[in-house]
Amino acid sequence: MPPRLTLLVVTLFWVTMNVLLWRSEFGASKHVGSPLPSAVVWQKILTAPDNSSLEILHHGVKIGYCRWSAAVGQNGAASKLILSDAAPDGLMERPISYRIDFEGTVMLDQPTNRLRFDLSVQFDTNHVWQEFRVRLNMRPAAVELYARAAEEVIHVHLDGEEGRIERTIKTADLLNPQALARELDLPAALPLGTLWTFGLPRANNSKTQMSLGLAWEARNDWVTIAHTSVRAYRLQAPLLDRYRVVVMVSRVGEILRVELPDDLAFVNEQLTSL
């Protein structure tokens, strides 16, 4: 075979293989989205090295802001997971727990009517919740809920114009957040259903995992940042047979976007500022 023809064949082979490799790595995944276990994405979220600062949008209008952060518990202390390539093998401590903190402020029906919320949930290494604490503050009322999985009860503290009220409720009674609001005389506008979606454990099982009672599906996907497509994870689950919840997560576990019913969205500031 003449040298020039040999060079041409080798060049065509090299170009063809690179095109096929590029399509398998970028092209196909961008349009189809290869599936992966949802537990892999949840693990990314639980060990994310950076916090997620999010704007809360309703029908495209900003109504509040929030911050989502994750911490890894090691030797009784919770801290950000820092991976180092230079760390010697065997010296990296294994996590003994995970914690999610979610806090923010949302405007309800009027600009002066604001709800402040603070949620903290701790999980074991199998992603099963161990304890949680929720604080809701909407003047003049404030409510705090605290529970440990082993106790199977939730402790409720109410502060209002009539003073402080303390109650204990079985976790089995938490299946209906609106009924709970009525029992505790909370304003109907409190988004308890949304807080359930974001981390308050559902009570249908004392060993509730990060699934929160939803059938999550995870896929590889893409998001656009500054006119550039970057790889991401997509979590999606049906809600009440009529709606769906979509969570876009970066490759390191940062929350990029959350889509909820009634056109309620949580969008990372790095996306809204572009």
C-alpha atoms as a PDB file:
ATOM      1  CA  MET A   1       0.000   0.000   0.000  1.00  0.00           C
ATOM      2  CA  PRO A   2       1.466   3.387  -0.974  1.00  0.00           C
ATOM      3  CA  PRO A   3       2.600   5.554   1.973  1.00  0.00           C
ATOM      4  CA  ARG A   4       0.123   8.349   1.176  1.00  0.00           C
ATOM      5  CA  LEU A   5      -2.806   5.902   1.061  1.00  0.00           C
ATOM      6  CA  THR A   6      -1.684   4.337   4.331  1.00  0.00           C
ATOM      7  CA  LEU A   7      -1.541   7.776   5.961  1.00  0.00           C
ATOM      8  CA  LEU A   8      -5.008   8.616   4.626  1.00  0.00           C
ATOM      9  CA  VAL A   9      -6.513   5.378   6.011  1.00  0.00           C
ATOM     10  CA  VAL A  10      -4.919   5.908   9.428  1.00  0.00           C
ATOM     11  CA  THR A  11      -6.136   9.513   9.515  1.00  0.00           C
ATOM     12  CA  LEU A  12      -9.701   8.546   8.598  1.00  0.00           C
ATOM     13  CA  PHE A  13      -9.665   5.795  11.213  1.00  0.00           C
ATOM     14  CA  TRP A  14      -8.406   8.215  13.886  1.00  0.00           C
ATOM     15  CA  VAL A  15     -11.040  10.850  13.036  1.00  0.00           C
ATOM     16  CA  THR A  16     -13.851   8.281  12.954  1.00  0.00           C
ATOM     17  CA  MET A  17     -12.917   6.809  16.343  1.00  0.00           C
ATOM     18  CA  ASN A  18     -12.714  10.274  17.927  1.00  0.00           C
ATOM     19  CA  VAL A  19     -16.127  11.259  16.543  1.00  0.00           C
ATOM     20  CA  LEU A  20     -17.672   8.048  17.888  1.00  0.00           C
ATOM     21  CA  LEU A  21     -15.999   8.592  21.261  1.00  0.00           C
ATOM     22  CA  TRP A  22     -17.233  12.195  21.430  1.00  0.00           C
ATOM     23  CA  ARG A  23     -20.792  11.110  20.599  1.00  0.00           C
ATOM     24  CA  SER A  24     -20.778   8.386  23.254  1.00  0.00           C
ATOM     25  CA  GLU A  25     -19.387  10.768  25.866  1.00  0.00           C
ATOM     26  CA  PHE A  26     -21.339  13.933  25.067  1.00  0.00           C
ATOM     27  CA  GLY A  27     -23.805  13.665  22.210  1.00  0.00           C
ATOM     28  CA  ALA A  28     -25.885  10.660  23.268  1.00  0.00           C
ATOM     29  CA  SER A  29     -25.971  11.553  26.944  1.00  0.00           C
ATOM     30  CA  LYS A  30     -27.070  15.079  26.179  1.00  0.00           C
ATOM     31  CA  HIS A  31     -30.198  13.969  24.350  1.00  0.00           C
ATOM     32  CA  VAL A  32     -31.056  10.652  25.986  1.00  0.00           C
ATOM     33  CA  GLY A  33     -29.683  10.846  29.514  1.00  0.00           C
ATOM     34  CA  SER A  34     -28.289   7.525  30.648  1.00  0.00           C
ATOM     35  CA  PRO A  35     -29.878   6.246  33.882  1.00  0.00           C
ATOM     36  CA  LEU A  36     -27.976   5.637  37.101  1.00  0.00           C
ATOM     37  CA  PRO A  37     -28.918   4.602  40.666  1.00  0.00           C
ATOM     38  CA  SER A  38     -30.595   7.445  42.560  1.00  0.00           C
ATOM     39  CA  ALA A  39     -28.542   6.531  45.650  1.00  0.00           C
ATOM     40  CA  VAL A  40     -25.431   7.658  43.768  1.00  0.00           C
ATOM     41  CA  VAL A  41     -26.868  11.160  43.320  1.00  0.00           C
ATOM     42  CA  TRP A  42     -28.102  11.341  46.922  1.00  0.00           C
ATOM     43  CA  GLN A  43     -24.603  10.432  48.080  1.00  0.00           C
ATOM     44  CA  LYS A  44     -23.240  13.297  45.981  1.00  0.00           C
ATOM     45  CA  ILE A  45     -25.734  15.671  47.613  1.00  0.00           C
ATOM     46  CA  LEU A  46     -24.882  14.480  51.127  1.00  0.00           C
ATOM     47  CA  THR A  47     -21.148  14.963  50.562  1.00  0.00           C
ATOM     48  CA  ALA A  48     -21.222  18.175  48.492  1.00  0.00           C
ATOM     49  CA  PRO A  49     -18.182  20.336  49.339  1.00  0.00           C
ATOM     50  CA  ASP A  50     -20.019  23.641  48.714  1.00  0.00           C
ATOM     51  CA  ASN A  51     -23.276  25.143  49.918  1.00  0.00           C
ATOM     52  CA  SER A  52     -26.118  25.856  47.496  1.00  0.00           C
ATOM     53  CA  SER A  53     -27.513  29.394  47.605  1.00  0.00           C
ATOM     54  CA  LEU A  54     -30.930  29.385  45.934  1.00  0.00           C
ATOM     55  CA  GLU A  55     -33.543  31.927  44.918  1.00  0.00           C
ATOM     56  CA  ILE A  56     -37.176  30.934  45.455  1.00  0.00           C
ATOM     57  CA  LEU A  57     -39.363  31.726  42.452  1.00  0.00           C
ATOM     58  CA  HIS A  58     -43.136  31.436  42.076  1.00  0.00           C
ATOM     59  CA  HIS A  59     -44.411  31.775  38.494  1.00  0.00           C
ATOM     60  CA  GLY A  60     -41.042  33.311  37.667  1.00  0.00           C
ATOM     61  CA  VAL A  61     -41.243  35.989  40.396  1.00  0.00           C
ATOM     62  CA  LYS A  62     -38.708  35.956  43.215  1.00  0.00           C
ATOM     63  CA  ILE A  63     -40.427  35.495  46.577  1.00  0.00           C
ATOM     64  CA  GLY A  64     -37.495  34.510  48.776  1.00  0.00           C
ATOM     65  CA  TYR A  65     -34.114  32.900  49.119  1.00  0.00           C
ATOM     66  CA  CYS A  66     -32.645  29.888  50.900  1.00  0.00           C
ATOM     67  CA  ARG A  67     -29.415  28.035  51.538  1.00  0.00           C
ATOM     68  CA  TRP A  68     -28.876  24.279  51.324  1.00  0.00           C
ATOM     69  CA  SER A  69     -25.758  22.783  52.899  1.00  0.00           C
ATOM     70  CA  ALA A  70     -24.460  19.308  53.639  1.00  0.00           C
ATOM     71  CA  ALA A  71     -22.010  18.096  56.261  1.00  0.00           C
ATOM     72  CA  VAL A  72     -20.330  14.770  56.944  1.00  0.00           C
ATOM     73  CA  GLY A  73     -20.006  13.502  60.511  1.00  0.00           C
ATOM     74  CA  GLN A  74     -16.646  12.011  61.458  1.00  0.00           C
ATOM     75  CA  ASN A  75     -15.694  11.016  64.999  1.00  0.00           C
ATOM     76  CA  GLY A  76     -18.721  12.806  66.387  1.00  0.00           C
ATOM     77  CA  ALA A  77     -18.117  16.057  64.503  1.00  0.00           C
ATOM     78  CA  ALA A  78     -19.824  17.298  61.349  1.00  0.00           C
ATOM     79  CA  SER A  79     -17.762  18.995  58.682  1.00  0.00           C
ATOM     80  CA  LYS A  80     -17.458  19.483  54.950  1.00  0.00           C
ATOM     81  CA  LEU A  81     -16.010  16.473  53.176  1.00  0.00           C
ATOM     82  CA  ILE A  82     -12.645  17.430  51.707  1.00  0.00           C
ATOM     83  CA  LEU A  83     -11.016  14.981  49.367  1.00  0.00           C
ATOM     84  CA  SER A  84      -7.305  15.228  48.748  1.00  0.00           C
ATOM     85  CA  ASP A  85      -5.393  13.286  46.138  1.00  0.00           C
ATOM     86  CA  ALA A  86      -2.306  13.664  48.273  1.00  0.00           C
ATOM     87  CA  ALA A  87      -3.870  11.973  51.319  1.00  0.00           C
ATOM     88  CA  PRO A  88      -2.180   8.636  52.057  1.00  0.00           C
ATOM     89  CA  ASP A  89      -4.297   5.531  51.611  1.00  0.00           C
ATOM     90  CA  GLY A  90      -6.087   4.456  54.762  1.00  0.00           C
ATOM     91  CA  LEU A  91      -5.964   7.882  56.455  1.00  0.00           C
ATOM     92  CA  MET A  92      -9.315   9.107  55.100  1.00  0.00           C
ATOM     93  CA  GLU A  93     -11.866   8.719  57.886  1.00  0.00           C
ATOM     94  CA  ARG A  94     -15.093   6.963  57.047  1.00  0.00           C
ATOM     95  CA  PRO A  95     -18.276   8.998  57.559  1.00  0.00           C
ATOM     96  CA  ILE A  96     -20.410   8.007  60.535  1.00  0.00           C
ATOM     97  CA  SER A  97     -23.346  10.289  59.671  1.00  0.00           C
ATOM     98  CA  TYR A  98     -24.592  12.965  57.290  1.00  0.00           C
ATOM     99  CA  ARG A  99     -26.480  16.180  57.934  1.00  0.00           C
ATOM    100  CA  ILE A 100     -28.551  18.446  55.699  1.00  0.00           C
ATOM    101  CA  ASP A 101     -29.315  22.035  56.706  1.00  0.00           C
ATOM    102  CA  PHE A 102     -31.923  24.037  54.811  1.00  0.00           C
ATOM    103  CA  GLU A 103     -32.796  27.595  55.823  1.00  0.00           C
ATOM    104  CA  GLY A 104     -34.298  30.663  54.251  1.00  0.00           C
ATOM    105  CA  THR A 105     -37.052  33.239  54.020  1.00  0.00           C
ATOM    106  CA  VAL A 106     -40.094  33.301  51.776  1.00  0.00           C
ATOM    107  CA  MET A 107     -42.664  36.053  51.221  1.00  0.00           C
ATOM    108  CA  LEU A 108     -46.239  34.817  51.425  1.00  0.00           C
ATOM    109  CA  ASP A 109     -49.320  36.817  50.449  1.00  0.00           C
ATOM    110  CA  GLN A 110     -47.923  40.254  51.376  1.00  0.00           C
ATOM    111  CA  PRO A 111     -44.403  41.762  51.375  1.00  0.00           C
ATOM    112  CA  THR A 112     -44.568  42.225  55.139  1.00  0.00           C
ATOM    113  CA  ASN A 113     -45.779  38.664  55.698  1.00  0.00           C
ATOM    114  CA  ARG A 114     -42.639  36.555  55.635  1.00  0.00           C
ATOM    115  CA  LEU A 115     -41.965  33.016  56.723  1.00  0.00           C
ATOM    116  CA  ARG A 116     -38.531  32.118  58.039  1.00  0.00           C
ATOM    117  CA  PHE A 117     -37.689  28.427  58.100  1.00  0.00           C
ATOM    118  CA  ASP A 118     -34.778  26.363  59.325  1.00  0.00           C
ATOM    119  CA  LEU A 119     -34.593  22.625  58.742  1.00  0.00           C
ATOM    120  CA  SER A 120     -31.886  20.216  59.879  1.00  0.00           C
ATOM    121  CA  VAL A 121     -31.943  16.464  59.219  1.00  0.00           C
ATOM    122  CA  GLN A 122     -29.335  13.911  60.242  1.00  0.00           C
ATOM    123  CA  PHE A 123     -28.910  10.582  58.427  1.00  0.00           C
ATOM    124  CA  ASP A 124     -26.858   7.479  59.078  1.00  0.00           C
ATOM    125  CA  THR A 125     -24.501   6.017  56.485  1.00  0.00           C
ATOM    126  CA  ASN A 126     -27.418   4.111  54.891  1.00  0.00           C
ATOM    127  CA  HIS A 127     -29.261   7.414  54.278  1.00  0.00           C
ATOM    128  CA  VAL A 128     -31.842   6.593  56.982  1.00  0.00           C
ATOM    129  CA  TRP A 129     -32.867   9.634  59.018  1.00  0.00           C
ATOM    130  CA  GLN A 130     -31.919   9.656  62.686  1.00  0.00           C
ATOM    131  CA  GLU A 131     -33.259  13.005  63.861  1.00  0.00           C
ATOM    132  CA  PHE A 132     -34.626  16.238  62.501  1.00  0.00           C
ATOM    133  CA  ARG A 133     -35.460  19.718  63.706  1.00  0.00           C
ATOM    134  CA  VAL A 134     -37.690  22.275  61.969  1.00  0.00           C
ATOM    135  CA  ARG A 135     -38.207  25.883  63.006  1.00  0.00           C
ATOM    136  CA  LEU A 136     -40.900  28.038  61.388  1.00  0.00           C
ATOM    137  CA  ASN A 137     -41.251  31.689  62.296  1.00  0.00           C
ATOM    138  CA  MET A 138     -44.014  33.933  60.984  1.00  0.00           C
ATOM    139  CA  ARG A 139     -44.779  36.786  63.350  1.00  0.00           C
ATOM    140  CA  PRO A 140     -46.332  36.680  65.787  1.00  0.00           C
ATOM    141  CA  ALA A 141     -46.183  32.878  65.834  1.00  0.00           C
ATOM    142  CA  ALA A 142     -43.255  30.473  65.870  1.00  0.00           C
ATOM    143  CA  VAL A 143     -43.196  26.701  65.886  1.00  0.00           C
ATOM    144  CA  GLU A 144     -40.412  24.181  66.417  1.00  0.00           C
ATOM    145  CA  LEU A 145     -40.626  20.459  65.674  1.00  0.00           C
ATOM    146  CA  TYR A 146     -38.037  17.956  66.831  1.00  0.00           C
ATOM    147  CA  ALA A 147     -37.921  14.170  66.564  1.00  0.00           C
ATOM    148  CA  ARG A 148     -35.590  11.222  66.863  1.00  0.00           C
ATOM    149  CA  ALA A 149     -36.286   8.082  64.873  1.00  0.00           C
ATOM    150  CA  ALA A 150     -35.868   5.817  67.883  1.00  0.00           C
ATOM    151  CA  GLU A 151     -38.607   7.619  69.850  1.00  0.00           C
ATOM    152  CA  GLU A 152     -41.285   7.555  67.092  1.00  0.00           C
ATOM    153  CA  VAL A 153     -42.774  10.790  68.413  1.00  0.00           C
ATOM    154  CA  ILE A 154     -42.400  14.420  67.464  1.00  0.00           C
ATOM    155  CA  HIS A 155     -42.019  17.202  70.015  1.00  0.00           C
ATOM    156  CA  VAL A 156     -43.809  20.434  69.113  1.00  0.00           C
ATOM    157  CA  HIS A 157     -43.183  23.844  70.699  1.00  0.00           C
ATOM    158  CA  LEU A 158     -45.492  26.722  69.835  1.00  0.00           C
ATOM    159  CA  ASP A 159     -44.817  30.346  70.747  1.00  0.00           C
ATOM    160  CA  GLY A 160     -47.512  32.925  70.126  1.00  0.00           C
ATOM    161  CA  GLU A 161     -49.555  35.690  71.625  1.00  0.00           C
ATOM    162  CA  GLU A 162     -51.040  33.235  74.139  1.00  0.00           C
ATOM    163  CA  GLY A 163     -47.651  32.066  75.376  1.00  0.00           C
ATOM    164  CA  ARG A 164     -45.761  28.840  74.896  1.00  0.00           C
ATOM    165  CA  ILE A 165     -47.453  25.513  74.185  1.00  0.00           C
ATOM    166  CA  GLU A 166     -45.699  22.141  74.113  1.00  0.00           C
ATOM    167  CA  ARG A 167     -47.161  18.976  72.597  1.00  0.00           C
ATOM    168  CA  THR A 168     -46.023  15.488  71.671  1.00  0.00           C
ATOM    169  CA  ILE A 169     -47.408  13.815  68.555  1.00  0.00           C
ATOM    170  CA  LYS A 170     -46.864  10.317  67.212  1.00  0.00           C
ATOM    171  CA  THR A 171     -44.930  10.245  63.962  1.00  0.00           C
ATOM    172  CA  ALA A 172     -47.716   8.092  62.499  1.00  0.00           C
ATOM    173  CA  ASP A 173     -49.964  11.191  62.622  1.00  0.00           C
ATOM    174  CA  LEU A 174     -47.697  13.154  60.287  1.00  0.00           C
ATOM    175  CA  LEU A 175     -48.942  11.669  57.019  1.00  0.00           C
ATOM    176  CA  ASN A 176     -51.216  14.655  56.439  1.00  0.00           C
ATOM    177  CA  PRO A 177     -49.316  17.951  56.892  1.00  0.00           C
ATOM    178  CA  GLN A 178     -52.455  20.065  56.383  1.00  0.00           C
ATOM    179  CA  ALA A 179     -54.295  18.143  59.107  1.00  0.00           C
ATOM    180  CA  LEU A 180     -51.271  18.675  61.317  1.00  0.00           C
ATOM    181  CA  ALA A 181     -51.438  22.418  60.677  1.00  0.00           C
ATOM    182  CA  ARG A 182     -55.086  22.470  61.699  1.00  0.00           C
ATOM    183  CA  GLU A 183     -54.406  20.474  64.857  1.00  0.00           C
ATOM    184  CA  LEU A 184     -51.620  22.839  65.876  1.00  0.00           C
ATOM    185  CA  ASP A 185     -53.595  25.948  64.891  1.00  0.00           C
ATOM    186  CA  LEU A 186     -50.936  26.955  62.353  1.00  0.00           C
ATOM    187  CA  PRO A 187     -51.696  29.369  59.499  1.00  0.00           C
ATOM    188  CA  ALA A 188     -52.936  27.567  56.416  1.00  0.00           C
ATOM    189  CA  ALA A 189     -50.341  29.420  54.345  1.00  0.00           C
ATOM    190  CA  LEU A 190     -47.429  27.580  55.947  1.00  0.00           C
ATOM    191  CA  PRO A 191     -45.879  25.403  53.175  1.00  0.00           C
ATOM    192  CA  LEU A 192     -45.604  22.228  55.250  1.00  0.00           C
ATOM    193  CA  GLY A 193     -46.056  20.069  52.159  1.00  0.00           C
ATOM    194  CA  THR A 194     -43.019  21.715  50.560  1.00  0.00           C
ATOM    195  CA  LEU A 195     -40.933  21.143  53.669  1.00  0.00           C
ATOM    196  CA  TRP A 196     -41.870  17.452  53.542  1.00  0.00           C
ATOM    197  CA  THR A 197     -40.587  17.314  49.981  1.00  0.00           C
ATOM    198  CA  PHE A 198     -37.262  18.887  50.951  1.00  0.00           C
ATOM    199  CA  GLY A 199     -36.330  16.707  53.845  1.00  0.00           C
ATOM    200  CA  LEU A 200     -38.859  16.408  56.653  1.00  0.00           C
ATOM    201  CA  PRO A 201     -39.197  12.609  56.945  1.00  0.00           C
ATOM    202  CA  ARG A 202     -42.491  11.075  55.985  1.00  0.00           C
ATOM    203  CA  ALA A 203     -43.900   8.919  58.772  1.00  0.00           C
ATOM    204  CA  ASN A 204     -45.009   5.859  56.848  1.00  0.00           C
ATOM    205  CA  ASN A 205     -41.900   4.072  58.049  1.00  0.00           C
ATOM    206  CA  SER A 206     -39.698   4.656  61.079  1.00  0.00           C
ATOM    207  CA  LYS A 207     -36.669   4.005  58.858  1.00  0.00           C
ATOM    208  CA  THR A 208     -37.406   6.532  56.145  1.00  0.00           C
ATOM    209  CA  GLN A 209     -34.547   7.110  53.706  1.00  0.00           C
ATOM    210  CA  MET A 210     -33.689  10.059  51.501  1.00  0.00           C
ATOM    211  CA  SER A 211     -36.392   8.924  49.071  1.00  0.00           C
ATOM    212  CA  LEU A 212     -38.935  10.724  51.292  1.00  0.00           C
ATOM    213  CA  GLY A 213     -41.602   8.303  50.136  1.00  0.00           C
ATOM    214  CA  LEU A 214     -41.098   9.212  46.448  1.00  0.00           C
ATOM    215  CA  ALA A 215     -40.013   6.921  43.614  1.00  0.00           C
ATOM    216  CA  TRP A 216     -36.932   8.772  42.399  1.00  0.00           C
ATOM    217  CA  GLU A 217     -35.389   8.232  38.979  1.00  0.00           C
ATOM    218  CA  ALA A 218     -31.859   9.473  38.325  1.00  0.00           C
ATOM    219  CA  ARG A 219     -30.275  10.245  34.965  1.00  0.00           C
ATOM    220  CA  ASN A 220     -27.272  12.021  33.551  1.00  0.00           C
ATOM    221  CA  ASP A 221     -28.260  15.364  32.073  1.00  0.00           C
ATOM    222  CA  TRP A 222     -26.985  18.789  31.087  1.00  0.00           C
ATOM    223  CA  VAL A 223     -27.544  22.363  32.244  1.00  0.00           C
ATOM    224  CA  THR A 224     -26.555  25.607  30.543  1.00  0.00           C
ATOM    225  CA  ILE A 225     -24.306  28.001  32.463  1.00  0.00           C
ATOM    226  CA  ALA A 226     -23.149  31.172  30.669  1.00  0.00           C
ATOM    227  CA  HIS A 227     -24.088  29.722  27.266  1.00  0.00           C
ATOM    228  CA  THR A 228     -22.039  26.619  28.031  1.00  0.00           C
ATOM    229  CA  SER A 229     -23.535  23.170  28.550  1.00  0.00           C
ATOM    230  CA  VAL A 230     -22.142  21.354  31.580  1.00  0.00           C
ATOM    231  CA  ARG A 231     -22.852  17.855  32.749  1.00  0.00           C
ATOM    232  CA  ALA A 232     -25.228  17.348  35.672  1.00  0.00           C
ATOM    233  CA  TYR A 233     -27.513  14.828  37.350  1.00  0.00           C
ATOM    234  CA  ARG A 234     -31.274  14.885  37.131  1.00  0.00           C
ATOM    235  CA  LEU A 235     -33.499  13.477  39.893  1.00  0.00           C
ATOM    236  CA  GLN A 236     -37.188  13.162  39.081  1.00  0.00           C
ATOM    237  CA  ALA A 237     -40.141  11.680  40.951  1.00  0.00           C
ATOM    238  CA  PRO A 238     -43.943  11.668  40.536  1.00  0.00           C
ATOM    239  CA  LEU A 239     -45.944  13.416  43.240  1.00  0.00           C
ATOM    240  CA  LEU A 240     -49.581  12.583  44.050  1.00  0.00           C
ATOM    241  CA  ASP A 241     -50.004  10.954  40.602  1.00  0.00           C
ATOM    242  CA  ARG A 242     -50.486  14.407  39.068  1.00  0.00           C
ATOM    243  CA  TYR A 243     -47.296  16.351  39.620  1.00  0.00           C
ATOM    244  CA  ARG A 244     -43.592  15.784  39.563  1.00  0.00           C
ATOM    245  CA  VAL A 245     -40.524  16.947  41.440  1.00  0.00           C
ATOM    246  CA  VAL A 246     -37.339  17.609  39.486  1.00  0.00           C
ATOM    247  CA  VAL A 247     -33.943  18.267  41.073  1.00  0.00           C
ATOM    248  CA  MET A 248     -30.896  19.215  39.003  1.00  0.00           C
ATOM    249  CA  VAL A 249     -27.605  18.486  40.746  1.00  0.00           C
ATOM    250  CA  SER A 250     -24.053  19.340  39.729  1.00  0.00           C
ATOM    251  CA  ARG A 251     -21.442  16.627  39.377  1.00  0.00           C
ATOM    252  CA  VAL A 252     -20.142  17.438  42.869  1.00  0.00           C
ATOM    253  CA  GLY A 253     -23.574  17.451  44.531  1.00  0.00           C
ATOM    254  CA  GLU A 254     -24.508  21.146  44.488  1.00  0.00           C
ATOM    255  CA  ILE A 255     -28.219  21.873  44.026  1.00  0.00           C
ATOM    256  CA  LEU A 256     -28.696  23.756  40.744  1.00  0.00           C
ATOM    257  CA  ARG A 257     -32.460  23.818  40.316  1.00  0.00           C
ATOM    258  CA  VAL A 258     -35.559  22.332  41.936  1.00  0.00           C
ATOM    259  CA  GLU A 259     -38.957  22.314  40.237  1.00  0.00           C
ATOM    260  CA  LEU A 260     -42.109  21.800  42.318  1.00  0.00           C
ATOM    261  CA  PRO A 261     -45.851  21.925  41.580  1.00  0.00           C
ATOM    262  CA  ASP A 262     -47.626  25.261  41.012  1.00  0.00           C
ATOM    263  CA  ASP A 263     -44.577  26.600  39.141  1.00  0.00           C
ATOM    264  CA  LEU A 264     -42.546  26.856  42.354  1.00  0.00           C
ATOM    265  CA  ALA A 265     -38.811  26.687  41.706  1.00  0.00           C
ATOM    266  CA  PHE A 266     -35.556  26.947  43.633  1.00  0.00           C
ATOM    267  CA  VAL A 267     -32.774  28.187  41.340  1.00  0.00           C
ATOM    268  CA  ASN A 268     -29.086  28.407  42.160  1.00  0.00           C
ATOM    269  CA  GLU A 269     -27.798  31.978  42.248  1.00  0.00           C
ATOM    270  CA  GLN A 270     -25.048  31.157  39.760  1.00  0.00           C
ATOM    271  CA  LEU A 271     -27.788  30.455  37.220  1.00  0.00           C
ATOM    272  CA  THR A 272     -29.993  33.474  37.982  1.00  0.00           C
ATOM    273  CA  SER A 273     -27.113  35.956  37.974  1.00  0.00           C
ATOM    274  CA  LEU A 274     -26.132  35.223  34.383  1.00  0.00           C
END
